[in-house]
Amino acid sequence: MISGQIHRWVAYGRSALVVLLTLTAVQNGSLSAGGDYVALPSAAALACGLALLLPRGPWWLAPALTTAAASVWGWPVLPLLLIALFDLAARRRGLAAVVCSAVALAANAVVQPTASLWTP
């Protein structure tokens, strides 16, 4: 009984964190797009946040979306990528987490967006 309640509160806390980081990513994405909220970086951040909130989605959906978004738009989506990588590690898919982070870093170095993962 108590264990079920703890798991429920952990799920609530994770969901609140994902919502907060998604809103922050939308804000930062809009700033990198010239202050326009209706832009591709903001839509990508929302898609990544929704994929992280799906309780029964395929295990690869959130990591794939966040890896692609971080590759193209850089650090505004980085916190969502880190949550996806942590989820992979918690599910004992460490190799997938390493591959996603390597792909995001390599693709970001090739694309060289204005908000790069390589420059602070």
C-alpha atoms as a PDB file:
ATOM      1  CA  MET A   1       0.000   0.000   0.000  1.00  0.00           C
ATOM      2  CA  ILE A   2       2.668   2.506   0.964  1.00  0.00           C
ATOM      3  CA  SER A   3       4.882   1.419  -1.918  1.00  0.00           C
ATOM      4  CA  GLY A   4       2.091   2.149  -4.415  1.00  0.00           C
ATOM      5  CA  GLN A   5       1.613   5.610  -2.936  1.00  0.00           C
ATOM      6  CA  ILE A   6       5.339   6.325  -3.180  1.00  0.00           C
ATOM      7  CA  HIS A   7       5.411   5.247  -6.826  1.00  0.00           C
ATOM      8  CA  ARG A   8       2.430   7.495  -7.543  1.00  0.00           C
ATOM      9  CA  TRP A   9       4.164  10.524  -5.971  1.00  0.00           C
ATOM     10  CA  VAL A  10       7.350   9.754  -7.881  1.00  0.00           C
ATOM     11  CA  ALA A  11       5.331   9.703 -11.109  1.00  0.00           C
ATOM     12  CA  TYR A  12       3.703  13.037 -10.194  1.00  0.00           C
ATOM     13  CA  GLY A  13       7.086  14.584  -9.460  1.00  0.00           C
ATOM     14  CA  ARG A  14       8.588  13.314 -12.703  1.00  0.00           C
ATOM     15  CA  SER A  15       5.613  14.616 -14.683  1.00  0.00           C
ATOM     16  CA  ALA A  16       5.875  18.027 -13.016  1.00  0.00           C
ATOM     17  CA  LEU A  17       9.601  18.146 -13.812  1.00  0.00           C
ATOM     18  CA  VAL A  18       8.987  17.207 -17.454  1.00  0.00           C
ATOM     19  CA  VAL A  19       6.284  19.888 -17.784  1.00  0.00           C
ATOM     20  CA  LEU A  20       8.540  22.521 -16.212  1.00  0.00           C
ATOM     21  CA  LEU A  21      11.498  21.620 -18.427  1.00  0.00           C
ATOM     22  CA  THR A  22       9.274  21.483 -21.513  1.00  0.00           C
ATOM     23  CA  LEU A  23       7.968  24.978 -20.841  1.00  0.00           C
ATOM     24  CA  THR A  24      11.535  26.181 -20.315  1.00  0.00           C
ATOM     25  CA  ALA A  25      12.616  24.529 -23.571  1.00  0.00           C
ATOM     26  CA  VAL A  26       9.720  26.193 -25.415  1.00  0.00           C
ATOM     27  CA  GLN A  27      10.745  29.558 -23.963  1.00  0.00           C
ATOM     28  CA  ASN A  28      14.421  29.080 -24.860  1.00  0.00           C
ATOM     29  CA  GLY A  29      13.513  27.727 -28.297  1.00  0.00           C
ATOM     30  CA  SER A  30      11.393  30.762 -29.015  1.00  0.00           C
ATOM     31  CA  LEU A  31      14.236  33.052 -27.995  1.00  0.00           C
ATOM     32  CA  SER A  32      16.628  31.249 -30.313  1.00  0.00           C
ATOM     33  CA  ALA A  33      14.024  31.557 -33.111  1.00  0.00           C
ATOM     34  CA  GLY A  34      13.863  35.334 -32.789  1.00  0.00           C
ATOM     35  CA  GLY A  35      11.177  35.557 -30.110  1.00  0.00           C
ATOM     36  CA  ASP A  36       8.488  33.713 -32.060  1.00  0.00           C
ATOM     37  CA  TYR A  37       6.640  31.055 -30.040  1.00  0.00           C
ATOM     38  CA  VAL A  38       5.038  29.560 -33.143  1.00  0.00           C
ATOM     39  CA  ALA A  39       8.270  28.152 -34.523  1.00  0.00           C
ATOM     40  CA  LEU A  40       9.765  24.760 -35.212  1.00  0.00           C
ATOM     41  CA  PRO A  41      12.033  24.677 -32.104  1.00  0.00           C
ATOM     42  CA  SER A  42       9.050  25.317 -29.824  1.00  0.00           C
ATOM     43  CA  ALA A  43       6.985  22.637 -31.559  1.00  0.00           C
ATOM     44  CA  ALA A  44       9.874  20.180 -31.278  1.00  0.00           C
ATOM     45  CA  ALA A  45      10.224  20.904 -27.556  1.00  0.00           C
ATOM     46  CA  LEU A  46       6.495  20.310 -27.061  1.00  0.00           C
ATOM     47  CA  ALA A  47       6.678  17.034 -29.000  1.00  0.00           C
ATOM     48  CA  CYS A  48       9.632  15.893 -26.899  1.00  0.00           C
ATOM     49  CA  GLY A  49       7.823  16.785 -23.680  1.00  0.00           C
ATOM     50  CA  LEU A  50       4.683  14.937 -24.747  1.00  0.00           C
ATOM     51  CA  ALA A  51       6.729  11.885 -25.710  1.00  0.00           C
ATOM     52  CA  LEU A  52       8.362  11.916 -22.271  1.00  0.00           C
ATOM     53  CA  LEU A  53       4.938  12.084 -20.615  1.00  0.00           C
ATOM     54  CA  LEU A  54       3.447   9.147 -22.551  1.00  0.00           C
ATOM     55  CA  PRO A  55       2.981   6.343 -20.046  1.00  0.00           C
ATOM     56  CA  ARG A  56       2.692   3.514 -22.575  1.00  0.00           C
ATOM     57  CA  GLY A  57       4.563   4.666 -25.649  1.00  0.00           C
ATOM     58  CA  PRO A  58       7.316   2.731 -27.371  1.00  0.00           C
ATOM     59  CA  TRP A  59      10.537   2.874 -25.356  1.00  0.00           C
ATOM     60  CA  TRP A  60      12.495   4.408 -28.245  1.00  0.00           C
ATOM     61  CA  LEU A  61      10.114   7.303 -29.066  1.00  0.00           C
ATOM     62  CA  ALA A  62      11.193   9.878 -26.460  1.00  0.00           C
ATOM     63  CA  PRO A  63      14.939   9.210 -26.848  1.00  0.00           C
ATOM     64  CA  ALA A  64      14.684   9.408 -30.644  1.00  0.00           C
ATOM     65  CA  LEU A  65      12.720  12.683 -30.587  1.00  0.00           C
ATOM     66  CA  THR A  66      14.924  14.343 -27.983  1.00  0.00           C
ATOM     67  CA  THR A  67      18.103  13.189 -29.737  1.00  0.00           C
ATOM     68  CA  ALA A  68      16.913  14.632 -33.038  1.00  0.00           C
ATOM     69  CA  ALA A  69      15.774  17.883 -31.433  1.00  0.00           C
ATOM     70  CA  ALA A  70      19.002  18.354 -29.471  1.00  0.00           C
ATOM     71  CA  SER A  71      20.992  17.578 -32.620  1.00  0.00           C
ATOM     72  CA  VAL A  72      19.264  20.315 -34.593  1.00  0.00           C
ATOM     73  CA  TRP A  73      18.457  22.983 -31.977  1.00  0.00           C
ATOM     74  CA  GLY A  74      21.125  22.453 -29.324  1.00  0.00           C
ATOM     75  CA  TRP A  75      21.019  23.328 -25.664  1.00  0.00           C
ATOM     76  CA  PRO A  76      17.381  24.510 -25.339  1.00  0.00           C
ATOM     77  CA  VAL A  77      16.286  20.869 -25.632  1.00  0.00           C
ATOM     78  CA  LEU A  78      19.205  19.446 -23.630  1.00  0.00           C
ATOM     79  CA  PRO A  79      17.306  19.014 -20.305  1.00  0.00           C
ATOM     80  CA  LEU A  80      14.654  16.926 -22.062  1.00  0.00           C
ATOM     81  CA  LEU A  81      17.375  14.815 -23.677  1.00  0.00           C
ATOM     82  CA  LEU A  82      18.923  14.250 -20.256  1.00  0.00           C
ATOM     83  CA  ILE A  83      15.598  13.002 -18.864  1.00  0.00           C
ATOM     84  CA  ALA A  84      15.239  10.633 -21.826  1.00  0.00           C
ATOM     85  CA  LEU A  85      18.789   9.354 -21.285  1.00  0.00           C
ATOM     86  CA  PHE A  86      18.111   8.854 -17.577  1.00  0.00           C
ATOM     87  CA  ASP A  87      14.951   6.920 -18.434  1.00  0.00           C
ATOM     88  CA  LEU A  88      16.974   4.689 -20.750  1.00  0.00           C
ATOM     89  CA  ALA A  89      19.547   4.072 -18.035  1.00  0.00           C
ATOM     90  CA  ALA A  90      16.813   3.307 -15.493  1.00  0.00           C
ATOM     91  CA  ARG A  91      15.373   0.731 -17.912  1.00  0.00           C
ATOM     92  CA  ARG A  92      18.828  -0.865 -18.233  1.00  0.00           C
ATOM     93  CA  ARG A  93      19.308   0.328 -21.806  1.00  0.00           C
ATOM     94  CA  GLY A  94      22.670   1.967 -21.191  1.00  0.00           C
ATOM     95  CA  LEU A  95      24.012   1.248 -24.658  1.00  0.00           C
ATOM     96  CA  ALA A  96      21.024   3.020 -26.217  1.00  0.00           C
ATOM     97  CA  ALA A  97      21.667   6.018 -23.935  1.00  0.00           C
ATOM     98  CA  VAL A  98      25.311   6.166 -25.000  1.00  0.00           C
ATOM     99  CA  VAL A  99      24.359   5.898 -28.672  1.00  0.00           C
ATOM    100  CA  CYS A 100      21.725   8.653 -28.344  1.00  0.00           C
ATOM    101  CA  SER A 101      24.153  11.017 -26.629  1.00  0.00           C
ATOM    102  CA  ALA A 102      26.909  10.311 -29.163  1.00  0.00           C
ATOM    103  CA  VAL A 103      24.522  10.845 -32.092  1.00  0.00           C
ATOM    104  CA  ALA A 104      23.231  14.100 -30.582  1.00  0.00           C
ATOM    105  CA  LEU A 105      26.750  15.455 -30.029  1.00  0.00           C
ATOM    106  CA  ALA A 106      28.070  14.373 -33.429  1.00  0.00           C
ATOM    107  CA  ALA A 107      25.062  15.649 -35.360  1.00  0.00           C
ATOM    108  CA  ASN A 108      25.124  18.915 -33.418  1.00  0.00           C
ATOM    109  CA  ALA A 109      28.770  19.403 -34.343  1.00  0.00           C
ATOM    110  CA  VAL A 110      27.912  18.879 -38.015  1.00  0.00           C
ATOM    111  CA  VAL A 111      24.757  21.050 -38.037  1.00  0.00           C
ATOM    112  CA  GLN A 112      26.295  23.828 -35.878  1.00  0.00           C
ATOM    113  CA  PRO A 113      23.098  25.577 -34.738  1.00  0.00           C
ATOM    114  CA  THR A 114      23.138  28.974 -33.053  1.00  0.00           C
ATOM    115  CA  ALA A 115      22.490  27.327 -29.656  1.00  0.00           C
ATOM    116  CA  SER A 116      25.107  24.605 -29.999  1.00  0.00           C
ATOM    117  CA  LEU A 117      25.729  21.870 -27.445  1.00  0.00           C
ATOM    118  CA  TRP A 118      29.446  22.521 -27.815  1.00  0.00           C
ATOM    119  CA  THR A 119      29.532  26.211 -26.876  1.00  0.00           C
ATOM    120  CA  PRO A 120      28.402  27.483 -23.483  1.00  0.00           C
END
